[in-house]
Every structure is written in C-alpha cells, then in structure tokens.
PDB file of N, CA and C in Angstrom:
ATOM      1  N   UNK A   1      13.963   7.171   6.011  1.00  0.00           N
ATOM      2  CA  UNK A   1      13.572   5.998   5.239  1.00  0.00           C
ATOM      3  C   UNK A   1      12.065   5.747   5.376  1.00  0.00           C
ATOM      4  N   UNK A   2      11.573   5.758   6.602  1.00  0.00           N
ATOM      5  CA  UNK A   2      10.150   5.493   6.839  1.00  0.00           C
ATOM      6  C   UNK A   2       9.278   6.579   6.201  1.00  0.00           C
ATOM      7  N   UNK A   3       9.650   7.828   6.372  1.00  0.00           N
ATOM      8  CA  UNK A   3       8.873   8.930   5.793  1.00  0.00           C
ATOM      9  C   UNK A   3       8.879   8.869   4.269  1.00  0.00           C
ATOM     10  N   UNK A   4      10.017   8.493   3.694  1.00  0.00           N
ATOM     11  CA  UNK A   4      10.113   8.384   2.235  1.00  0.00           C
ATOM     12  C   UNK A   4       9.198   7.270   1.725  1.00  0.00           C
ATOM     13  N   UNK A   5       9.158   6.154   2.439  1.00  0.00           N
ATOM     14  CA  UNK A   5       8.275   5.047   2.046  1.00  0.00           C
ATOM     15  C   UNK A   5       6.806   5.466   2.138  1.00  0.00           C
ATOM     16  N   UNK A   6       6.451   6.162   3.202  1.00  0.00           N
ATOM     17  CA  UNK A   6       5.068   6.626   3.342  1.00  0.00           C
ATOM     18  C   UNK A   6       4.702   7.582   2.216  1.00  0.00           C
ATOM     19  N   UNK A   7       5.634   8.438   1.838  1.00  0.00           N
ATOM     20  CA  UNK A   7       5.388   9.375   0.734  1.00  0.00           C
ATOM     21  C   UNK A   7       5.169   8.617  -0.577  1.00  0.00           C
ATOM     22  N   UNK A   8       5.952   7.555  -0.805  1.00  0.00           N
ATOM     23  CA  UNK A   8       5.778   6.741  -2.018  1.00  0.00           C
ATOM     24  C   UNK A   8       4.402   6.074  -2.029  1.00  0.00           C
ATOM     25  N   UNK A   9       3.981   5.577  -0.890  1.00  0.00           N
ATOM     26  CA  UNK A   9       2.672   4.923  -0.794  1.00  0.00           C
ATOM     27  C   UNK A   9       1.567   5.946  -1.046  1.00  0.00           C
ATOM     28  N   UNK A  10       1.680   7.130  -0.446  1.00  0.00           N
ATOM     29  CA  UNK A  10       0.695   8.208  -0.671  1.00  0.00           C
ATOM     30  C   UNK A  10       0.583   8.536  -2.153  1.00  0.00           C
ATOM     31  N   UNK A  11       1.747   8.720  -2.801  1.00  0.00           N
ATOM     32  CA  UNK A  11       1.761   9.081  -4.223  1.00  0.00           C
ATOM     33  C   UNK A  11       1.119   8.001  -5.079  1.00  0.00           C
ATOM     34  N   UNK A  12       1.425   6.753  -4.791  1.00  0.00           N
ATOM     35  CA  UNK A  12       0.834   5.650  -5.553  1.00  0.00           C
ATOM     36  C   UNK A  12      -0.683   5.630  -5.388  1.00  0.00           C
ATOM     37  N   UNK A  13      -1.149   5.830  -4.175  1.00  0.00           N
ATOM     38  CA  UNK A  13      -2.585   5.813  -3.898  1.00  0.00           C
ATOM     39  C   UNK A  13      -3.293   7.044  -4.445  1.00  0.00           C
ATOM     40  N   UNK A  14      -2.563   8.112  -4.683  1.00  0.00           N
ATOM     41  CA  UNK A  14      -3.134   9.309  -5.310  1.00  0.00           C
ATOM     42  C   UNK A  14      -3.349   9.069  -6.806  1.00  0.00           C
ATOM     43  N   UNK A  15      -2.477   8.256  -7.408  1.00  0.00           N
ATOM     44  CA  UNK A  15      -2.594   7.962  -8.845  1.00  0.00           C
ATOM     45  C   UNK A  15      -3.764   7.029  -9.137  1.00  0.00           C
ATOM     46  N   UNK A  16      -3.906   5.999  -8.282  1.00  0.00           N
ATOM     47  CA  UNK A  16      -4.965   5.001  -8.456  1.00  0.00           C
ATOM     48  C   UNK A  16      -5.072   4.192  -7.175  1.00  0.00           C
ATOM     49  N   UNK A  17      -6.252   3.653  -6.876  1.00  0.00           N
ATOM     50  CA  UNK A  17      -6.368   2.800  -5.691  1.00  0.00           C
ATOM     51  C   UNK A  17      -5.374   1.643  -5.770  1.00  0.00           C
ATOM     52  N   UNK A  18      -4.748   1.325  -4.620  1.00  0.00           N
ATOM     53  CA  UNK A  18      -3.689   0.316  -4.570  1.00  0.00           C
ATOM     54  C   UNK A  18      -3.989  -0.727  -3.496  1.00  0.00           C
ATOM     55  N   UNK A  19      -3.776  -1.987  -3.840  1.00  0.00           N
ATOM     56  CA  UNK A  19      -3.839  -3.060  -2.847  1.00  0.00           C
ATOM     57  C   UNK A  19      -2.443  -3.231  -2.261  1.00  0.00           C
ATOM     58  N   UNK A  20      -2.353  -3.970  -1.181  1.00  0.00           N
ATOM     59  CA  UNK A  20      -1.039  -4.255  -0.599  1.00  0.00           C
ATOM     60  C   UNK A  20      -0.160  -4.980  -1.613  1.00  0.00           C
ATOM     61  N   UNK A  21      -0.736  -5.917  -2.355  1.00  0.00           N
ATOM     62  CA  UNK A  21       0.037  -6.655  -3.364  1.00  0.00           C
ATOM     63  C   UNK A  21       0.576  -5.725  -4.446  1.00  0.00           C
ATOM     64  N   UNK A  22      -0.154  -4.672  -4.758  1.00  0.00           N
ATOM     65  CA  UNK A  22       0.304  -3.710  -5.774  1.00  0.00           C
ATOM     66  C   UNK A  22       1.367  -2.772  -5.218  1.00  0.00           C
ATOM     67  N   UNK A  23       1.386  -2.582  -3.915  1.00  0.00           N
ATOM     68  CA  UNK A  23       2.373  -1.711  -3.270  1.00  0.00           C
ATOM     69  C   UNK A  23       3.723  -2.413  -3.095  1.00  0.00           C
ATOM     70  N   UNK A  24       3.695  -3.737  -2.882  1.00  0.00           N
ATOM     71  CA  UNK A  24       4.943  -4.473  -2.612  1.00  0.00           C
ATOM     72  C   UNK A  24       6.035  -4.203  -3.639  1.00  0.00           C
ATOM     73  N   UNK A  25       5.775  -4.333  -4.953  1.00  0.00           N
ATOM     74  CA  UNK A  25       6.865  -4.102  -5.915  1.00  0.00           C
ATOM     75  C   UNK A  25       7.402  -2.667  -5.913  1.00  0.00           C
ATOM     76  N   UNK A  26       6.561  -1.725  -5.508  1.00  0.00           N
ATOM     77  CA  UNK A  26       7.007  -0.337  -5.416  1.00  0.00           C
ATOM     78  C   UNK A  26       7.967  -0.178  -4.237  1.00  0.00           C
ATOM     79  N   UNK A  27       7.673  -0.862  -3.139  1.00  0.00           N
ATOM     80  CA  UNK A  27       8.495  -0.741  -1.941  1.00  0.00           C
ATOM     81  C   UNK A  27       9.767  -1.584  -2.007  1.00  0.00           C
ATOM     82  N   UNK A  28       9.680  -2.722  -2.685  1.00  0.00           N
ATOM     83  CA  UNK A  28      10.804  -3.668  -2.758  1.00  0.00           C
ATOM     84  C   UNK A  28      11.150  -3.902  -4.219  1.00  0.00           C
ATOM     85  N   UNK A  29      12.231  -3.302  -4.673  1.00  0.00           N
ATOM     86  CA  UNK A  29      12.595  -3.306  -6.096  1.00  0.00           C
ATOM     87  C   UNK A  29      13.235  -4.615  -6.557  1.00  0.00           C
ATOM     88  N   UNK A  30      13.659  -5.457  -5.620  1.00  0.00           N
ATOM     89  CA  UNK A  30      14.350  -6.698  -5.996  1.00  0.00           C
ATOM     90  C   UNK A  30      13.377  -7.870  -5.953  1.00  0.00           C
ATOM     91  N   UNK A  31      13.798  -8.974  -6.551  1.00  0.00           N
ATOM     92  CA  UNK A  31      12.987 -10.189  -6.503  1.00  0.00           C
ATOM     93  C   UNK A  31      12.950 -10.712  -5.069  1.00  0.00           C
ATOM     94  N   UNK A  32      11.787 -11.193  -4.657  1.00  0.00           N
ATOM     95  CA  UNK A  32      11.607 -11.700  -3.300  1.00  0.00           C
ATOM     96  C   UNK A  32      11.224 -13.176  -3.355  1.00  0.00           C
ATOM     97  N   UNK A  33      11.790 -13.965  -2.439  1.00  0.00           N
ATOM     98  CA  UNK A  33      11.340 -15.351  -2.346  1.00  0.00           C
ATOM     99  C   UNK A  33      10.045 -15.370  -1.529  1.00  0.00           C
ATOM    100  N   UNK A  34       9.436 -16.530  -1.392  1.00  0.00           N
ATOM    101  CA  UNK A  34       8.136 -16.631  -0.725  1.00  0.00           C
ATOM    102  C   UNK A  34       8.221 -16.137   0.718  1.00  0.00           C
ATOM    103  N   UNK A  35       9.284 -16.487   1.413  1.00  0.00           N
ATOM    104  CA  UNK A  35       9.459 -16.059   2.803  1.00  0.00           C
ATOM    105  C   UNK A  35       9.545 -14.529   2.889  1.00  0.00           C
ATOM    106  N   UNK A  36      10.357 -13.928   2.027  1.00  0.00           N
ATOM    107  CA  UNK A  36      10.510 -12.473   2.020  1.00  0.00           C
ATOM    108  C   UNK A  36       9.211 -11.782   1.610  1.00  0.00           C
ATOM    109  N   UNK A  37       8.486 -12.397   0.666  1.00  0.00           N
ATOM    110  CA  UNK A  37       7.224 -11.811   0.205  1.00  0.00           C
ATOM    111  C   UNK A  37       6.208 -11.724   1.340  1.00  0.00           C
ATOM    112  N   UNK A  38       6.214 -12.708   2.221  1.00  0.00           N
ATOM    113  CA  UNK A  38       5.313 -12.677   3.371  1.00  0.00           C
ATOM    114  C   UNK A  38       5.578 -11.455   4.239  1.00  0.00           C
ATOM    115  N   UNK A  39       6.845 -11.202   4.536  1.00  0.00           N
ATOM    116  CA  UNK A  39       7.195 -10.028   5.335  1.00  0.00           C
ATOM    117  C   UNK A  39       6.931  -8.733   4.571  1.00  0.00           C
ATOM    118  N   UNK A  40       7.168  -8.738   3.268  1.00  0.00           N
ATOM    119  CA  UNK A  40       6.928  -7.548   2.449  1.00  0.00           C
ATOM    120  C   UNK A  40       5.442  -7.186   2.433  1.00  0.00           C
ATOM    121  N   UNK A  41       4.571  -8.194   2.353  1.00  0.00           N
ATOM    122  CA  UNK A  41       3.128  -7.933   2.394  1.00  0.00           C
ATOM    123  C   UNK A  41       2.737  -7.311   3.729  1.00  0.00           C
ATOM    124  N   UNK A  42       3.315  -7.818   4.808  1.00  0.00           N
ATOM    125  CA  UNK A  42       3.050  -7.242   6.125  1.00  0.00           C
ATOM    126  C   UNK A  42       3.489  -5.800   6.203  1.00  0.00           C
ATOM    127  N   UNK A  43       4.648  -5.512   5.639  1.00  0.00           N
ATOM    128  CA  UNK A  43       5.176  -4.143   5.626  1.00  0.00           C
ATOM    129  C   UNK A  43       4.266  -3.221   4.807  1.00  0.00           C
ATOM    130  N   UNK A  44       3.825  -3.701   3.644  1.00  0.00           N
ATOM    131  CA  UNK A  44       2.931  -2.898   2.804  1.00  0.00           C
ATOM    132  C   UNK A  44       1.606  -2.630   3.522  1.00  0.00           C
ATOM    133  N   UNK A  45       1.048  -3.666   4.134  1.00  0.00           N
ATOM    134  CA  UNK A  45      -0.204  -3.489   4.881  1.00  0.00           C
ATOM    135  C   UNK A  45      -0.027  -2.516   6.039  1.00  0.00           C
ATOM    136  N   UNK A  46       1.106  -2.590   6.717  1.00  0.00           N
ATOM    137  CA  UNK A  46       1.359  -1.676   7.841  1.00  0.00           C
ATOM    138  C   UNK A  46       1.378  -0.226   7.366  1.00  0.00           C
ATOM    139  N   UNK A  47       2.041   0.032   6.248  1.00  0.00           N
ATOM    140  CA  UNK A  47       2.104   1.404   5.724  1.00  0.00           C
ATOM    141  C   UNK A  47       0.714   1.878   5.287  1.00  0.00           C
ATOM    142  N   UNK A  48      -0.010   1.026   4.574  1.00  0.00           N
ATOM    143  CA  UNK A  48      -1.348   1.400   4.123  1.00  0.00           C
ATOM    144  C   UNK A  48      -2.281   1.648   5.306  1.00  0.00           C
ATOM    145  N   UNK A  49      -2.246   0.768   6.289  1.00  0.00           N
ATOM    146  CA  UNK A  49      -3.116   0.933   7.451  1.00  0.00           C
ATOM    147  C   UNK A  49      -2.740   2.139   8.293  1.00  0.00           C
ATOM    148  N   UNK A  50      -1.464   2.437   8.410  1.00  0.00           N
ATOM    149  CA  UNK A  50      -1.044   3.629   9.154  1.00  0.00           C
ATOM    150  C   UNK A  50      -1.646   4.878   8.512  1.00  0.00           C
ATOM    151  N   UNK A  51      -1.543   4.971   7.186  1.00  0.00           N
ATOM    152  CA  UNK A  51      -2.083   6.134   6.481  1.00  0.00           C
ATOM    153  C   UNK A  51      -3.615   6.150   6.522  1.00  0.00           C
ATOM    154  N   UNK A  52      -4.240   4.976   6.500  1.00  0.00           N
ATOM    155  CA  UNK A  52      -5.696   4.891   6.603  1.00  0.00           C
ATOM    156  C   UNK A  52      -6.154   5.351   7.985  1.00  0.00           C
ATOM    157  N   UNK A  53      -5.511   4.852   9.036  1.00  0.00           N
ATOM    158  CA  UNK A  53      -5.891   5.237  10.394  1.00  0.00           C
ATOM    159  C   UNK A  53      -5.608   6.717  10.678  1.00  0.00           C
ATOM    160  N   UNK A  54      -4.633   7.289   9.972  1.00  0.00           N
ATOM    161  CA  UNK A  54      -4.328   8.716  10.109  1.00  0.00           C
ATOM    162  C   UNK A  54      -5.320   9.581   9.325  1.00  0.00           C
ATOM    163  N   UNK A  55      -6.210   8.942   8.571  1.00  0.00           N
ATOM    164  CA  UNK A  55      -7.207   9.686   7.802  1.00  0.00           C
ATOM    165  C   UNK A  55      -6.718  10.180   6.460  1.00  0.00           C
ATOM    166  N   UNK A  56      -5.549   9.734   6.028  1.00  0.00           N
ATOM    167  CA  UNK A  56      -5.010  10.183   4.740  1.00  0.00           C
ATOM    168  C   UNK A  56      -5.500   9.337   3.573  1.00  0.00           C
ATOM    169  N   UNK A  57      -5.793   8.067   3.844  1.00  0.00           N
ATOM    170  CA  UNK A  57      -6.286   7.157   2.812  1.00  0.00           C
ATOM    171  C   UNK A  57      -7.663   6.657   3.202  1.00  0.00           C
ATOM    172  N   UNK A  58      -8.408   6.230   2.205  1.00  0.00           N
ATOM    173  CA  UNK A  58      -9.657   5.543   2.467  1.00  0.00           C
ATOM    174  C   UNK A  58      -9.602   4.167   1.805  1.00  0.00           C
ATOM    175  N   UNK A  59     -10.339   3.244   2.386  1.00  0.00           N
ATOM    176  CA  UNK A  59     -10.385   1.877   1.871  1.00  0.00           C
ATOM    177  C   UNK A  59     -11.599   1.735   0.967  1.00  0.00           C
ATOM    178  N   UNK A  60     -11.394   1.091  -0.179  1.00  0.00           N
ATOM    179  CA  UNK A  60     -12.487   0.821  -1.110  1.00  0.00           C
ATOM    180  C   UNK A  60     -12.385  -0.640  -1.544  1.00  0.00           C
ATOM    181  N   UNK A  61     -13.522  -1.298  -1.584  1.00  0.00           N
ATOM    182  CA  UNK A  61     -13.533  -2.686  -2.045  1.00  0.00           C
ATOM    183  C   UNK A  61     -13.959  -2.715  -3.493  1.00  0.00           C
ATOM    184  N   UNK A  62     -13.134  -3.335  -4.322  1.00  0.00           N
ATOM    185  CA  UNK A  62     -13.439  -3.433  -5.745  1.00  0.00           C
ATOM    186  C   UNK A  62     -14.468  -4.513  -6.022  1.00  0.00           C
ATOM    187  N   UNK A  63     -14.965  -4.545  -7.236  1.00  0.00           N
ATOM    188  CA  UNK A  63     -15.915  -5.580  -7.630  1.00  0.00           C
ATOM    189  C   UNK A  63     -15.279  -6.967  -7.583  1.00  0.00           C
ATOM    190  N   UNK A  64     -13.945  -7.000  -7.561  1.00  0.00           N
ATOM    191  CA  UNK A  64     -13.212  -8.269  -7.458  1.00  0.00           C
ATOM    192  C   UNK A  64     -13.047  -8.719  -6.007  1.00  0.00           C
ATOM    193  N   UNK A  65     -13.565  -7.924  -5.059  1.00  0.00           N
ATOM    194  CA  UNK A  65     -13.477  -8.257  -3.648  1.00  0.00           C
ATOM    195  C   UNK A  65     -12.177  -7.850  -2.980  1.00  0.00           C
ATOM    196  N   UNK A  66     -11.262  -7.240  -3.734  1.00  0.00           N
ATOM    197  CA  UNK A  66      -9.973  -6.816  -3.196  1.00  0.00           C
ATOM    198  C   UNK A  66     -10.105  -5.425  -2.580  1.00  0.00           C
ATOM    199  N   UNK A  67      -9.590  -5.273  -1.359  1.00  0.00           N
ATOM    200  CA  UNK A  67      -9.576  -3.962  -0.707  1.00  0.00           C
ATOM    201  C   UNK A  67      -8.372  -3.192  -1.214  1.00  0.00           C
ATOM    202  N   UNK A  68      -8.632  -1.985  -1.698  1.00  0.00           N
ATOM    203  CA  UNK A  68      -7.575  -1.090  -2.159  1.00  0.00           C
ATOM    204  C   UNK A  68      -7.677   0.221  -1.380  1.00  0.00           C
ATOM    205  N   UNK A  69      -6.614   0.944  -1.386  1.00  0.00           N
ATOM    206  CA  UNK A  69      -6.546   2.215  -0.659  1.00  0.00           C
ATOM    207  C   UNK A  69      -6.338   3.329  -1.666  1.00  0.00           C
ATOM    208  N   UNK A  70      -7.031   4.431  -1.443  1.00  0.00           N
ATOM    209  CA  UNK A  70      -6.840   5.614  -2.301  1.00  0.00           C
ATOM    210  C   UNK A  70      -6.755   6.831  -1.410  1.00  0.00           C
ATOM    211  N   UNK A  71      -6.239   7.898  -1.990  1.00  0.00           N
ATOM    212  CA  UNK A  71      -6.117   9.150  -1.253  1.00  0.00           C
ATOM    213  C   UNK A  71      -7.505   9.586  -0.817  1.00  0.00           C
ATOM    214  N   UNK A  72      -7.626  10.011   0.417  1.00  0.00           N
ATOM    215  CA  UNK A  72      -8.908  10.458   0.971  1.00  0.00           C
ATOM    216  C   UNK A  72      -9.504  11.544   0.098  1.00  0.00           C
ATOM    217  N   UNK A  73     -10.795  11.394  -0.235  1.00  0.00           N
ATOM    218  CA  UNK A  73     -11.538  12.373  -1.046  1.00  0.00           C
ATOM    219  C   UNK A  73     -10.967  12.547  -2.443  1.00  0.00           C
ATOM    220  N   UNK A  74     -10.355  11.491  -2.968  1.00  0.00           N
ATOM    221  CA  UNK A  74      -9.795  11.577  -4.333  1.00  0.00           C
ATOM    222  C   UNK A  74     -10.860  11.260  -5.363  1.00  0.00           C
TER     223      UNK A  74
END
C-alpha cells in the first residue's frame, strides 16, 4: 500500500509540479470532511517530503508562493 502510494505521487510529480493540496484528491478518492482533510494533508506532505529527502523530488516555489514538488531534474 505504501509503495503504491509513493509510486502514484512520483507519477503525478513527473507529469507536473504538485502541491500537497493537489496530491490529496489523488491519494483519497472519497469526499473528506474538514477533520479528515487535515490528516490527509499531513499524509500528502509526508509522502512528498519522504521523496524529496530521498532525492527523488525537488521543491519549487511558484509565482503564487505555493511550494510544489516535481521529479528531480525534470
């Protein structure tokens, strides 16, 4: 399950830079209430940061000030 989620995050970030908010709907296909969304954002950030710290993703800040992650050297 964990490896499959990481693969989905990698693939999404290979297509286009992704913020944690953009990753949440990919990871969680059902509607989330505010409480669940808080935990989902944490989960998305954890996956993105794990891949970033492993050197697979790089962080880029958009002109909108939002940090997004993309595949390293993409």
